Amino acid sequence: MTTFGAKLSAIAPGRVEITAPIGPGVLQQHGFGHAGLTFALGDTAAGYAALSLMAEGAEVLTAEIKINLLAPARGQSLRAVGEVLKPGRRLVVVRATVLALDGDRETEIAALQGTMVPV
């Protein structure tokens, strides 16, 4: 996340937001933010959301996560909102929404859903 300039922007039990600029190093060939950035932010926000409901010292790993890309990542930055859908001892079902911020406009660009495994 350091490479992307990502920052935790909000933390609550079962919900985490991460923001990152769409810088020149993460653009794809058409000048939009790369899907790799979108996926990394969504996966990380969802993982931290799962972690927010666990005991101190716990960790999680992504078992599987699916992404639907809905629109190009156009703008100055991205905001990923991760949420826990169903916490569990062995599996935590999560989702994330990724939004592109372009001035005052927010556009939902991706929806992710997956499973985290406590380790």
PDB file of N, CA and C in Angstrom:
ATOM      1  N   MET A   1       0.812  -1.190   0.000  1.00  0.00           N
ATOM      2  CA  MET A   1       0.000   0.000   0.000  1.00  0.00           C
ATOM      3  C   MET A   1       0.868   1.271   0.000  1.00  0.00           C
ATOM      4  N   THR A   2       2.066   1.167   0.557  1.00  0.00           N
ATOM      5  CA  THR A   2       2.983   2.310   0.540  1.00  0.00           C
ATOM      6  C   THR A   2       3.326   2.703  -0.890  1.00  0.00           C
ATOM      7  N   THR A   3       3.541   1.719  -1.750  1.00  0.00           N
ATOM      8  CA  THR A   3       3.857   1.982  -3.151  1.00  0.00           C
ATOM      9  C   THR A   3       2.768   2.798  -3.825  1.00  0.00           C
ATOM     10  N   PHE A   4       1.507   2.555  -3.469  1.00  0.00           N
ATOM     11  CA  PHE A   4       0.377   3.266  -4.067  1.00  0.00           C
ATOM     12  C   PHE A   4       0.070   4.584  -3.370  1.00  0.00           C
ATOM     13  N   GLY A   5       0.721   4.877  -2.265  1.00  0.00           N
ATOM     14  CA  GLY A   5       0.399   6.092  -1.505  1.00  0.00           C
ATOM     15  C   GLY A   5      -0.936   5.976  -0.800  1.00  0.00           C
ATOM     16  N   ALA A   6      -1.349   4.749  -0.487  1.00  0.00           N
ATOM     17  CA  ALA A   6      -2.659   4.502   0.133  1.00  0.00           C
ATOM     18  C   ALA A   6      -2.650   4.892   1.608  1.00  0.00           C
ATOM     19  N   LYS A   7      -3.794   5.366   2.073  1.00  0.00           N
ATOM     20  CA  LYS A   7      -3.969   5.772   3.471  1.00  0.00           C
ATOM     21  C   LYS A   7      -5.292   5.230   3.993  1.00  0.00           C
ATOM     22  N   LEU A   8      -5.294   4.794   5.256  1.00  0.00           N
ATOM     23  CA  LEU A   8      -6.552   4.446   5.918  1.00  0.00           C
ATOM     24  C   LEU A   8      -7.284   5.754   6.191  1.00  0.00           C
ATOM     25  N   SER A   9      -8.504   5.877   5.695  1.00  0.00           N
ATOM     26  CA  SER A   9      -9.244   7.125   5.878  1.00  0.00           C
ATOM     27  C   SER A   9     -10.405   6.994   6.856  1.00  0.00           C
ATOM     28  N   ALA A  10     -10.822   5.765   7.158  1.00  0.00           N
ATOM     29  CA  ALA A  10     -11.882   5.545   8.156  1.00  0.00           C
ATOM     30  C   ALA A  10     -11.812   4.107   8.636  1.00  0.00           C
ATOM     31  N   ILE A  11     -12.022   3.936   9.948  1.00  0.00           N
ATOM     32  CA  ILE A  11     -12.023   2.601  10.542  1.00  0.00           C
ATOM     33  C   ILE A  11     -13.170   2.525  11.535  1.00  0.00           C
ATOM     34  N   ALA A  12     -13.995   1.479  11.405  1.00  0.00           N
ATOM     35  CA  ALA A  12     -15.077   1.183  12.348  1.00  0.00           C
ATOM     36  C   ALA A  12     -15.201  -0.331  12.394  1.00  0.00           C
ATOM     37  N   PRO A  13     -15.810  -0.882  13.426  1.00  0.00           N
ATOM     38  CA  PRO A  13     -15.968  -2.339  13.474  1.00  0.00           C
ATOM     39  C   PRO A  13     -16.686  -2.862  12.218  1.00  0.00           C
ATOM     40  N   GLY A  14     -15.992  -3.715  11.475  1.00  0.00           N
ATOM     41  CA  GLY A  14     -16.576  -4.312  10.279  1.00  0.00           C
ATOM     42  C   GLY A  14     -16.570  -3.432   9.048  1.00  0.00           C
ATOM     43  N   ARG A  15     -15.896  -2.267   9.116  1.00  0.00           N
ATOM     44  CA  ARG A  15     -15.893  -1.333   7.973  1.00  0.00           C
ATOM     45  C   ARG A  15     -14.599  -0.534   7.949  1.00  0.00           C
ATOM     46  N   VAL A  16     -13.939  -0.513   6.784  1.00  0.00           N
ATOM     47  CA  VAL A  16     -12.687   0.223   6.624  1.00  0.00           C
ATOM     48  C   VAL A  16     -12.691   0.922   5.270  1.00  0.00           C
ATOM     49  N   GLU A  17     -12.179   2.148   5.249  1.00  0.00           N
ATOM     50  CA  GLU A  17     -12.011   2.899   3.999  1.00  0.00           C
ATOM     51  C   GLU A  17     -10.535   3.182   3.776  1.00  0.00           C
ATOM     52  N   ILE A  18     -10.112   3.023   2.528  1.00  0.00           N
ATOM     53  CA  ILE A  18      -8.740   3.309   2.121  1.00  0.00           C
ATOM     54  C   ILE A  18      -8.796   4.207   0.892  1.00  0.00           C
ATOM     55  N   THR A  19      -7.956   5.233   0.876  1.00  0.00           N
ATOM     56  CA  THR A  19      -7.877   6.120  -0.286  1.00  0.00           C
ATOM     57  C   THR A  19      -6.466   6.071  -0.860  1.00  0.00           C
ATOM     58  N   ALA A  20      -6.374   6.322  -2.159  1.00  0.00           N
ATOM     59  CA  ALA A  20      -5.070   6.377  -2.828  1.00  0.00           C
ATOM     60  C   ALA A  20      -5.186   7.259  -4.063  1.00  0.00           C
ATOM     61  N   PRO A  21      -4.133   8.010  -4.358  1.00  0.00           N
ATOM     62  CA  PRO A  21      -4.146   8.819  -5.576  1.00  0.00           C
ATOM     63  C   PRO A  21      -4.025   7.941  -6.817  1.00  0.00           C
ATOM     64  N   ILE A  22      -4.564   8.432  -7.916  1.00  0.00           N
ATOM     65  CA  ILE A  22      -4.337   7.789  -9.214  1.00  0.00           C
ATOM     66  C   ILE A  22      -3.144   8.522  -9.824  1.00  0.00           C
ATOM     67  N   GLY A  23      -1.954   8.038  -9.503  1.00  0.00           N
ATOM     68  CA  GLY A  23      -0.727   8.692  -9.952  1.00  0.00           C
ATOM     69  C   GLY A  23      -0.246   8.158 -11.287  1.00  0.00           C
ATOM     70  N   PRO A  24       0.771   8.789 -11.850  1.00  0.00           N
ATOM     71  CA  PRO A  24       1.270   8.380 -13.163  1.00  0.00           C
ATOM     72  C   PRO A  24       1.792   6.947 -13.197  1.00  0.00           C
ATOM     73  N   GLY A  25       2.246   6.408 -12.076  1.00  0.00           N
ATOM     74  CA  GLY A  25       2.788   5.052 -12.047  1.00  0.00           C
ATOM     75  C   GLY A  25       1.744   3.959 -12.033  1.00  0.00           C
ATOM     76  N   VAL A  26       0.453   4.317 -11.944  1.00  0.00           N
ATOM     77  CA  VAL A  26      -0.604   3.294 -11.886  1.00  0.00           C
ATOM     78  C   VAL A  26      -1.643   3.465 -12.996  1.00  0.00           C
ATOM     79  N   LEU A  27      -1.260   4.140 -14.071  1.00  0.00           N
ATOM     80  CA  LEU A  27      -2.174   4.323 -15.195  1.00  0.00           C
ATOM     81  C   LEU A  27      -2.035   3.181 -16.190  1.00  0.00           C
ATOM     82  N   GLN A  28      -3.163   2.838 -16.829  1.00  0.00           N
ATOM     83  CA  GLN A  28      -3.097   1.856 -17.907  1.00  0.00           C
ATOM     84  C   GLN A  28      -2.968   2.605 -19.236  1.00  0.00           C
ATOM     85  N   GLN A  29      -2.993   1.882 -20.344  1.00  0.00           N
ATOM     86  CA  GLN A  29      -2.671   2.455 -21.653  1.00  0.00           C
ATOM     87  C   GLN A  29      -3.622   3.546 -22.125  1.00  0.00           C
ATOM     88  N   HIS A  30      -4.830   3.646 -21.572  1.00  0.00           N
ATOM     89  CA  HIS A  30      -5.787   4.677 -21.982  1.00  0.00           C
ATOM     90  C   HIS A  30      -5.811   5.858 -21.017  1.00  0.00           C
ATOM     91  N   GLY A  31      -4.936   5.825 -20.008  1.00  0.00           N
ATOM     92  CA  GLY A  31      -4.845   6.943 -19.078  1.00  0.00           C
ATOM     93  C   GLY A  31      -5.741   6.830 -17.856  1.00  0.00           C
ATOM     94  N   PHE A  32      -6.437   5.716 -17.689  1.00  0.00           N
ATOM     95  CA  PHE A  32      -7.271   5.483 -16.506  1.00  0.00           C
ATOM     96  C   PHE A  32      -6.428   4.776 -15.438  1.00  0.00           C
ATOM     97  N   GLY A  33      -6.891   4.832 -14.190  1.00  0.00           N
ATOM     98  CA  GLY A  33      -6.240   4.062 -13.142  1.00  0.00           C
ATOM     99  C   GLY A  33      -6.317   2.579 -13.485  1.00  0.00           C
ATOM    100  N   HIS A  34      -5.240   1.859 -13.263  1.00  0.00           N
ATOM    101  CA  HIS A  34      -5.162   0.441 -13.621  1.00  0.00           C
ATOM    102  C   HIS A  34      -6.060  -0.400 -12.718  1.00  0.00           C
ATOM    103  N   ALA A  35      -6.640  -1.455 -13.274  1.00  0.00           N
ATOM    104  CA  ALA A  35      -7.485  -2.369 -12.502  1.00  0.00           C
ATOM    105  C   ALA A  35      -6.708  -3.027 -11.365  1.00  0.00           C
ATOM    106  N   GLY A  36      -5.399  -3.156 -11.511  1.00  0.00           N
ATOM    107  CA  GLY A  36      -4.583  -3.716 -10.439  1.00  0.00           C
ATOM    108  C   GLY A  36      -4.631  -2.853  -9.187  1.00  0.00           C
ATOM    109  N   LEU A  37      -4.631  -1.537  -9.360  1.00  0.00           N
ATOM    110  CA  LEU A  37      -4.777  -0.615  -8.229  1.00  0.00           C
ATOM    111  C   LEU A  37      -6.159  -0.765  -7.615  1.00  0.00           C
ATOM    112  N   THR A  38      -7.173  -0.807  -8.457  1.00  0.00           N
ATOM    113  CA  THR A  38      -8.552  -0.961  -7.989  1.00  0.00           C
ATOM    114  C   THR A  38      -8.702  -2.237  -7.171  1.00  0.00           C
ATOM    115  N   PHE A  39      -8.178  -3.341  -7.695  1.00  0.00           N
ATOM    116  CA  PHE A  39      -8.279  -4.632  -6.998  1.00  0.00           C
ATOM    117  C   PHE A  39      -7.513  -4.604  -5.678  1.00  0.00           C
ATOM    118  N   ALA A  40      -6.294  -4.081  -5.709  1.00  0.00           N
ATOM    119  CA  ALA A  40      -5.467  -4.055  -4.500  1.00  0.00           C
ATOM    120  C   ALA A  40      -6.138  -3.254  -3.388  1.00  0.00           C
ATOM    121  N   LEU A  41      -6.710  -2.108  -3.714  1.00  0.00           N
ATOM    122  CA  LEU A  41      -7.378  -1.292  -2.694  1.00  0.00           C
ATOM    123  C   LEU A  41      -8.626  -1.986  -2.162  1.00  0.00           C
ATOM    124  N   GLY A  42      -9.439  -2.560  -3.058  1.00  0.00           N
ATOM    125  CA  GLY A  42     -10.657  -3.251  -2.621  1.00  0.00           C
ATOM    126  C   GLY A  42     -10.353  -4.464  -1.762  1.00  0.00           C
ATOM    127  N   ASP A  43      -9.389  -5.264  -2.164  1.00  0.00           N
ATOM    128  CA  ASP A  43      -8.997  -6.451  -1.409  1.00  0.00           C
ATOM    129  C   ASP A  43      -8.462  -6.060  -0.030  1.00  0.00           C
ATOM    130  N   THR A  44      -7.646  -5.037   0.028  1.00  0.00           N
ATOM    131  CA  THR A  44      -7.062  -4.602   1.289  1.00  0.00           C
ATOM    132  C   THR A  44      -8.124  -4.026   2.222  1.00  0.00           C
ATOM    133  N   ALA A  45      -9.031  -3.201   1.691  1.00  0.00           N
ATOM    134  CA  ALA A  45     -10.101  -2.634   2.522  1.00  0.00           C
ATOM    135  C   ALA A  45     -10.987  -3.743   3.079  1.00  0.00           C
ATOM    136  N   ALA A  46     -11.313  -4.735   2.262  1.00  0.00           N
ATOM    137  CA  ALA A  46     -12.140  -5.854   2.721  1.00  0.00           C
ATOM    138  C   ALA A  46     -11.404  -6.671   3.784  1.00  0.00           C
ATOM    139  N   GLY A  47     -10.114  -6.903   3.580  1.00  0.00           N
ATOM    140  CA  GLY A  47      -9.321  -7.657   4.550  1.00  0.00           C
ATOM    141  C   GLY A  47      -9.213  -6.939   5.884  1.00  0.00           C
ATOM    142  N   TYR A  48      -8.976  -5.637   5.844  1.00  0.00           N
ATOM    143  CA  TYR A  48      -8.901  -4.872   7.097  1.00  0.00           C
ATOM    144  C   TYR A  48     -10.260  -4.790   7.781  1.00  0.00           C
ATOM    145  N   ALA A  49     -11.339  -4.761   7.006  1.00  0.00           N
ATOM    146  CA  ALA A  49     -12.673  -4.784   7.615  1.00  0.00           C
ATOM    147  C   ALA A  49     -12.857  -6.083   8.401  1.00  0.00           C
ATOM    148  N   ALA A  50     -12.440  -7.209   7.806  1.00  0.00           N
ATOM    149  CA  ALA A  50     -12.519  -8.497   8.512  1.00  0.00           C
ATOM    150  C   ALA A  50     -11.647  -8.464   9.764  1.00  0.00           C
ATOM    151  N   LEU A  51     -10.455  -7.952   9.631  1.00  0.00           N
ATOM    152  CA  LEU A  51      -9.511  -7.887  10.744  1.00  0.00           C
ATOM    153  C   LEU A  51     -10.034  -7.013  11.887  1.00  0.00           C
ATOM    154  N   SER A  52     -10.828  -6.020  11.548  1.00  0.00           N
ATOM    155  CA  SER A  52     -11.349  -5.099  12.570  1.00  0.00           C
ATOM    156  C   SER A  52     -12.289  -5.781  13.564  1.00  0.00           C
ATOM    157  N   LEU A  53     -12.773  -6.966  13.234  1.00  0.00           N
ATOM    158  CA  LEU A  53     -13.679  -7.701  14.123  1.00  0.00           C
ATOM    159  C   LEU A  53     -12.971  -8.821  14.881  1.00  0.00           C
ATOM    160  N   MET A  54     -11.663  -8.900  14.737  1.00  0.00           N
ATOM    161  CA  MET A  54     -10.906  -9.995  15.352  1.00  0.00           C
ATOM    162  C   MET A  54     -10.095  -9.502  16.541  1.00  0.00           C
ATOM    163  N   ALA A  55      -9.617 -10.469  17.302  1.00  0.00           N
ATOM    164  CA  ALA A  55      -8.801 -10.160  18.487  1.00  0.00           C
ATOM    165  C   ALA A  55      -7.476  -9.538  18.069  1.00  0.00           C
ATOM    166  N   GLU A  56      -6.915  -8.742  18.958  1.00  0.00           N
ATOM    167  CA  GLU A  56      -5.619  -8.136  18.716  1.00  0.00           C
ATOM    168  C   GLU A  56      -4.596  -9.230  18.426  1.00  0.00           C
ATOM    169  N   GLY A  57      -3.749  -8.984  17.424  1.00  0.00           N
ATOM    170  CA  GLY A  57      -2.733  -9.956  17.043  1.00  0.00           C
ATOM    171  C   GLY A  57      -3.178 -10.923  15.965  1.00  0.00           C
ATOM    172  N   ALA A  58      -4.461 -10.945  15.652  1.00  0.00           N
ATOM    173  CA  ALA A  58      -4.974 -11.831  14.600  1.00  0.00           C
ATOM    174  C   ALA A  58      -4.536 -11.303  13.233  1.00  0.00           C
ATOM    175  N   GLU A  59      -4.577 -12.160  12.247  1.00  0.00           N
ATOM    176  CA  GLU A  59      -4.292 -11.800  10.860  1.00  0.00           C
ATOM    177  C   GLU A  59      -5.295 -12.507   9.962  1.00  0.00           C
ATOM    178  N   VAL A  60      -5.433 -12.023   8.730  1.00  0.00           N
ATOM    179  CA  VAL A  60      -6.300 -12.683   7.749  1.00  0.00           C
ATOM    180  C   VAL A  60      -5.553 -12.841   6.434  1.00  0.00           C
ATOM    181  N   LEU A  61      -5.995 -13.813   5.667  1.00  0.00           N
ATOM    182  CA  LEU A  61      -5.536 -14.006   4.295  1.00  0.00           C
ATOM    183  C   LEU A  61      -6.766 -14.088   3.401  1.00  0.00           C
ATOM    184  N   THR A  62      -6.641 -13.606   2.186  1.00  0.00           N
ATOM    185  CA  THR A  62      -7.727 -13.726   1.223  1.00  0.00           C
ATOM    186  C   THR A  62      -7.751 -15.147   0.689  1.00  0.00           C
ATOM    187  N   ALA A  63      -8.893 -15.830   0.849  1.00  0.00           N
ATOM    188  CA  ALA A  63      -9.062 -17.171   0.282  1.00  0.00           C
ATOM    189  C   ALA A  63      -9.510 -17.065  -1.167  1.00  0.00           C
ATOM    190  N   GLU A  64     -10.441 -16.156  -1.405  1.00  0.00           N
ATOM    191  CA  GLU A  64     -10.907 -15.892  -2.774  1.00  0.00           C
ATOM    192  C   GLU A  64     -11.596 -14.544  -2.778  1.00  0.00           C
ATOM    193  N   ILE A  65     -11.524 -13.866  -3.914  1.00  0.00           N
ATOM    194  CA  ILE A  65     -12.231 -12.592  -4.064  1.00  0.00           C
ATOM    195  C   ILE A  65     -12.495 -12.375  -5.544  1.00  0.00           C
ATOM    196  N   LYS A  66     -13.683 -11.889  -5.825  1.00  0.00           N
ATOM    197  CA  LYS A  66     -14.131 -11.646  -7.196  1.00  0.00           C
ATOM    198  C   LYS A  66     -14.315 -10.158  -7.380  1.00  0.00           C
ATOM    199  N   ILE A  67     -14.010  -9.661  -8.565  1.00  0.00           N
ATOM    200  CA  ILE A  67     -14.190  -8.239  -8.853  1.00  0.00           C
ATOM    201  C   ILE A  67     -15.031  -8.076 -10.113  1.00  0.00           C
ATOM    202  N   ASN A  68     -15.955  -7.129 -10.050  1.00  0.00           N
ATOM    203  CA  ASN A  68     -16.671  -6.673 -11.237  1.00  0.00           C
ATOM    204  C   ASN A  68     -16.231  -5.236 -11.474  1.00  0.00           C
ATOM    205  N   LEU A  69     -15.605  -4.992 -12.614  1.00  0.00           N
ATOM    206  CA  LEU A  69     -15.212  -3.634 -12.981  1.00  0.00           C
ATOM    207  C   LEU A  69     -16.401  -2.979 -13.662  1.00  0.00           C
ATOM    208  N   LEU A  70     -16.851  -1.853 -13.116  1.00  0.00           N
ATOM    209  CA  LEU A  70     -18.096  -1.227 -13.551  1.00  0.00           C
ATOM    210  C   LEU A  70     -17.898  -0.001 -14.439  1.00  0.00           C
ATOM    211  N   ALA A  71     -16.769   0.686 -14.273  1.00  0.00           N
ATOM    212  CA  ALA A  71     -16.487   1.906 -15.031  1.00  0.00           C
ATOM    213  C   ALA A  71     -14.989   2.168 -14.965  1.00  0.00           C
ATOM    214  N   PRO A  72     -14.460   2.969 -15.897  1.00  0.00           N
ATOM    215  CA  PRO A  72     -13.031   3.301 -15.835  1.00  0.00           C
ATOM    216  C   PRO A  72     -12.697   4.112 -14.576  1.00  0.00           C
ATOM    217  N   ALA A  73     -11.485   3.927 -14.079  1.00  0.00           N
ATOM    218  CA  ALA A  73     -10.999   4.668 -12.908  1.00  0.00           C
ATOM    219  C   ALA A  73     -10.493   6.028 -13.376  1.00  0.00           C
ATOM    220  N   ARG A  74     -11.417   6.958 -13.504  1.00  0.00           N
ATOM    221  CA  ARG A  74     -11.129   8.292 -14.031  1.00  0.00           C
ATOM    222  C   ARG A  74     -11.193   9.297 -12.882  1.00  0.00           C
ATOM    223  N   GLY A  75     -10.134  10.065 -12.687  1.00  0.00           N
ATOM    224  CA  GLY A  75     -10.149  11.080 -11.646  1.00  0.00           C
ATOM    225  C   GLY A  75      -8.807  11.231 -10.978  1.00  0.00           C
ATOM    226  N   GLN A  76      -8.830  11.838  -9.778  1.00  0.00           N
ATOM    227  CA  GLN A  76      -7.591  12.099  -9.051  1.00  0.00           C
ATOM    228  C   GLN A  76      -7.255  10.999  -8.046  1.00  0.00           C
ATOM    229  N   SER A  77      -8.278  10.315  -7.527  1.00  0.00           N
ATOM    230  CA  SER A  77      -8.013   9.312  -6.495  1.00  0.00           C
ATOM    231  C   SER A  77      -9.106   8.257  -6.472  1.00  0.00           C
ATOM    232  N   LEU A  78      -8.824   7.192  -5.718  1.00  0.00           N
ATOM    233  CA  LEU A  78      -9.787   6.109  -5.501  1.00  0.00           C
ATOM    234  C   LEU A  78     -10.072   6.002  -4.013  1.00  0.00           C
ATOM    235  N   ARG A  79     -11.291   5.584  -3.696  1.00  0.00           N
ATOM    236  CA  ARG A  79     -11.682   5.288  -2.313  1.00  0.00           C
ATOM    237  C   ARG A  79     -12.305   3.910  -2.301  1.00  0.00           C
ATOM    238  N   ALA A  80     -11.738   3.014  -1.493  1.00  0.00           N
ATOM    239  CA  ALA A  80     -12.264   1.660  -1.342  1.00  0.00           C
ATOM    240  C   ALA A  80     -12.924   1.546   0.022  1.00  0.00           C
ATOM    241  N   VAL A  81     -14.147   1.033   0.037  1.00  0.00           N
ATOM    242  CA  VAL A  81     -14.895   0.830   1.276  1.00  0.00           C
ATOM    243  C   VAL A  81     -15.099  -0.670   1.450  1.00  0.00           C
ATOM    244  N   GLY A  82     -14.446  -1.240   2.461  1.00  0.00           N
ATOM    245  CA  GLY A  82     -14.568  -2.665   2.745  1.00  0.00           C
ATOM    246  C   GLY A  82     -15.526  -2.893   3.894  1.00  0.00           C
ATOM    247  N   GLU A  83     -16.355  -3.940   3.779  1.00  0.00           N
ATOM    248  CA  GLU A  83     -17.342  -4.254   4.818  1.00  0.00           C
ATOM    249  C   GLU A  83     -17.426  -5.763   5.022  1.00  0.00           C
ATOM    250  N   VAL A  84     -17.730  -6.146   6.243  1.00  0.00           N
ATOM    251  CA  VAL A  84     -17.956  -7.552   6.558  1.00  0.00           C
ATOM    252  C   VAL A  84     -19.434  -7.856   6.350  1.00  0.00           C
ATOM    253  N   LEU A  85     -19.716  -8.867   5.546  1.00  0.00           N
ATOM    254  CA  LEU A  85     -21.093  -9.318   5.343  1.00  0.00           C
ATOM    255  C   LEU A  85     -21.480 -10.356   6.387  1.00  0.00           C
ATOM    256  N   LYS A  86     -20.542 -11.292   6.675  1.00  0.00           N
ATOM    257  CA  LYS A  86     -20.810 -12.335   7.665  1.00  0.00           C
ATOM    258  C   LYS A  86     -19.502 -12.736   8.328  1.00  0.00           C
ATOM    259  N   PRO A  87     -19.366 -12.400   9.609  1.00  0.00           N
ATOM    260  CA  PRO A  87     -18.159 -12.834  10.321  1.00  0.00           C
ATOM    261  C   PRO A  87     -18.299 -14.291  10.737  1.00  0.00           C
ATOM    262  N   GLY A  88     -17.177 -14.961  10.840  1.00  0.00           N
ATOM    263  CA  GLY A  88     -17.183 -16.346  11.300  1.00  0.00           C
ATOM    264  C   GLY A  88     -15.837 -16.700  11.897  1.00  0.00           C
ATOM    265  N   ARG A  89     -15.780 -17.837  12.571  1.00  0.00           N
ATOM    266  CA  ARG A  89     -14.517 -18.277  13.168  1.00  0.00           C
ATOM    267  C   ARG A  89     -13.517 -18.733  12.118  1.00  0.00           C
ATOM    268  N   ARG A  90     -14.001 -19.424  11.095  1.00  0.00           N
ATOM    269  CA  ARG A  90     -13.106 -19.987  10.075  1.00  0.00           C
ATOM    270  C   ARG A  90     -13.121 -19.227   8.767  1.00  0.00           C
ATOM    271  N   LEU A  91     -14.241 -18.594   8.442  1.00  0.00           N
ATOM    272  CA  LEU A  91     -14.374 -17.828   7.202  1.00  0.00           C
ATOM    273  C   LEU A  91     -15.102 -16.522   7.496  1.00  0.00           C
ATOM    274  N   VAL A  92     -14.676 -15.458   6.827  1.00  0.00           N
ATOM    275  CA  VAL A  92     -15.338 -14.161   6.949  1.00  0.00           C
ATOM    276  C   VAL A  92     -15.693 -13.713   5.542  1.00  0.00           C
ATOM    277  N   VAL A  93     -16.993 -13.540   5.281  1.00  0.00           N
ATOM    278  CA  VAL A  93     -17.442 -13.096   3.966  1.00  0.00           C
ATOM    279  C   VAL A  93     -17.432 -11.565   3.958  1.00  0.00           C
ATOM    280  N   VAL A  94     -16.790 -11.003   2.918  1.00  0.00           N
ATOM    281  CA  VAL A  94     -16.583  -9.559   2.842  1.00  0.00           C
ATOM    282  C   VAL A  94     -17.000  -9.026   1.473  1.00  0.00           C
ATOM    283  N   ARG A  95     -17.153  -7.702   1.426  1.00  0.00           N
ATOM    284  CA  ARG A  95     -17.361  -7.038   0.140  1.00  0.00           C
ATOM    285  C   ARG A  95     -16.623  -5.713   0.180  1.00  0.00           C
ATOM    286  N   ALA A  96     -16.372  -5.176  -0.994  1.00  0.00           N
ATOM    287  CA  ALA A  96     -15.773  -3.850  -1.085  1.00  0.00           C
ATOM    288  C   ALA A  96     -16.354  -3.142  -2.295  1.00  0.00           C
ATOM    289  N   THR A  97     -16.490  -1.852  -2.156  1.00  0.00           N
ATOM    290  CA  THR A  97     -16.888  -0.975  -3.249  1.00  0.00           C
ATOM    291  C   THR A  97     -15.726  -0.020  -3.479  1.00  0.00           C
ATOM    292  N   VAL A  98     -15.360   0.189  -4.739  1.00  0.00           N
ATOM    293  CA  VAL A  98     -14.294   1.134  -5.053  1.00  0.00           C
ATOM    294  C   VAL A  98     -14.890   2.258  -5.881  1.00  0.00           C
ATOM    295  N   LEU A  99     -14.596   3.480  -5.449  1.00  0.00           N
ATOM    296  CA  LEU A  99     -15.113   4.680  -6.114  1.00  0.00           C
ATOM    297  C   LEU A  99     -13.967   5.517  -6.651  1.00  0.00           C
ATOM    298  N   ALA A 100     -14.156   6.109  -7.831  1.00  0.00           N
ATOM    299  CA  ALA A 100     -13.194   7.067  -8.383  1.00  0.00           C
ATOM    300  C   ALA A 100     -13.684   8.460  -8.013  1.00  0.00           C
ATOM    301  N   LEU A 101     -12.766   9.283  -7.509  1.00  0.00           N
ATOM    302  CA  LEU A 101     -13.090  10.650  -7.116  1.00  0.00           C
ATOM    303  C   LEU A 101     -12.505  11.599  -8.160  1.00  0.00           C
ATOM    304  N   ASP A 102     -13.397  12.344  -8.812  1.00  0.00           N
ATOM    305  CA  ASP A 102     -13.002  13.272  -9.863  1.00  0.00           C
ATOM    306  C   ASP A 102     -13.601  14.626  -9.518  1.00  0.00           C
ATOM    307  N   GLY A 103     -12.837  15.477  -8.854  1.00  0.00           N
ATOM    308  CA  GLY A 103     -13.386  16.728  -8.340  1.00  0.00           C
ATOM    309  C   GLY A 103     -14.408  16.416  -7.272  1.00  0.00           C
ATOM    310  N   ASP A 104     -15.628  16.924  -7.433  1.00  0.00           N
ATOM    311  CA  ASP A 104     -16.715  16.662  -6.479  1.00  0.00           C
ATOM    312  C   ASP A 104     -17.512  15.414  -6.833  1.00  0.00           C
ATOM    313  N   ARG A 105     -17.174  14.772  -7.940  1.00  0.00           N
ATOM    314  CA  ARG A 105     -17.945  13.628  -8.426  1.00  0.00           C
ATOM    315  C   ARG A 105     -17.331  12.310  -7.980  1.00  0.00           C
ATOM    316  N   GLU A 106     -18.171  11.395  -7.480  1.00  0.00           N
ATOM    317  CA  GLU A 106     -17.768  10.035  -7.141  1.00  0.00           C
ATOM    318  C   GLU A 106     -18.471   9.068  -8.084  1.00  0.00           C
ATOM    319  N   THR A 107     -17.699   8.158  -8.649  1.00  0.00           N
ATOM    320  CA  THR A 107     -18.257   7.144  -9.540  1.00  0.00           C
ATOM    321  C   THR A 107     -17.874   5.772  -9.021  1.00  0.00           C
ATOM    322  N   GLU A 108     -18.870   4.912  -8.827  1.00  0.00           N
ATOM    323  CA  GLU A 108     -18.572   3.541  -8.421  1.00  0.00           C
ATOM    324  C   GLU A 108     -17.947   2.821  -9.606  1.00  0.00           C
ATOM    325  N   ILE A 109     -16.721   2.329  -9.409  1.00  0.00           N
ATOM    326  CA  ILE A 109     -16.012   1.703 -10.526  1.00  0.00           C
ATOM    327  C   ILE A 109     -15.816   0.201 -10.360  1.00  0.00           C
ATOM    328  N   ALA A 110     -15.997  -0.314  -9.132  1.00  0.00           N
ATOM    329  CA  ALA A 110     -15.801  -1.754  -8.939  1.00  0.00           C
ATOM    330  C   ALA A 110     -16.560  -2.244  -7.721  1.00  0.00           C
ATOM    331  N   ALA A 111     -17.004  -3.500  -7.811  1.00  0.00           N
ATOM    332  CA  ALA A 111     -17.633  -4.204  -6.692  1.00  0.00           C
ATOM    333  C   ALA A 111     -16.876  -5.511  -6.512  1.00  0.00           C
ATOM    334  N   LEU A 112     -16.452  -5.790  -5.276  1.00  0.00           N
ATOM    335  CA  LEU A 112     -15.726  -7.014  -4.960  1.00  0.00           C
ATOM    336  C   LEU A 112     -16.484  -7.778  -3.895  1.00  0.00           C
ATOM    337  N   GLN A 113     -16.417  -9.093  -3.951  1.00  0.00           N
ATOM    338  CA  GLN A 113     -16.938  -9.932  -2.869  1.00  0.00           C
ATOM    339  C   GLN A 113     -16.017 -11.124  -2.718  1.00  0.00           C
ATOM    340  N   GLY A 114     -15.755 -11.488  -1.448  1.00  0.00           N
ATOM    341  CA  GLY A 114     -14.818 -12.571  -1.242  1.00  0.00           C
ATOM    342  C   GLY A 114     -14.877 -13.166   0.143  1.00  0.00           C
ATOM    343  N   THR A 115     -13.902 -14.005   0.416  1.00  0.00           N
ATOM    344  CA  THR A 115     -13.808 -14.725   1.677  1.00  0.00           C
ATOM    345  C   THR A 115     -12.412 -14.552   2.248  1.00  0.00           C
ATOM    346  N   MET A 116     -12.362 -14.165   3.522  1.00  0.00           N
ATOM    347  CA  MET A 116     -11.106 -14.038   4.247  1.00  0.00           C
ATOM    348  C   MET A 116     -10.999 -15.195   5.242  1.00  0.00           C
ATOM    349  N   VAL A 117      -9.761 -15.655   5.456  1.00  0.00           N
ATOM    350  CA  VAL A 117      -9.503 -16.746   6.385  1.00  0.00           C
ATOM    351  C   VAL A 117      -8.642 -16.222   7.529  1.00  0.00           C
ATOM    352  N   PRO A 118      -9.139 -16.311   8.762  1.00  0.00           N
ATOM    353  CA  PRO A 118      -8.293 -15.923   9.910  1.00  0.00           C
ATOM    354  C   PRO A 118      -7.101 -16.869  10.034  1.00  0.00           C
ATOM    355  N   VAL A 119      -5.917 -16.299  10.300  1.00  0.00           N
ATOM    356  CA  VAL A 119      -4.715 -17.124  10.490  1.00  0.00           C
ATOM    357  C   VAL A 119      -4.037 -16.755  11.806  1.00  0.00           C
TER     358      VAL A 119
END
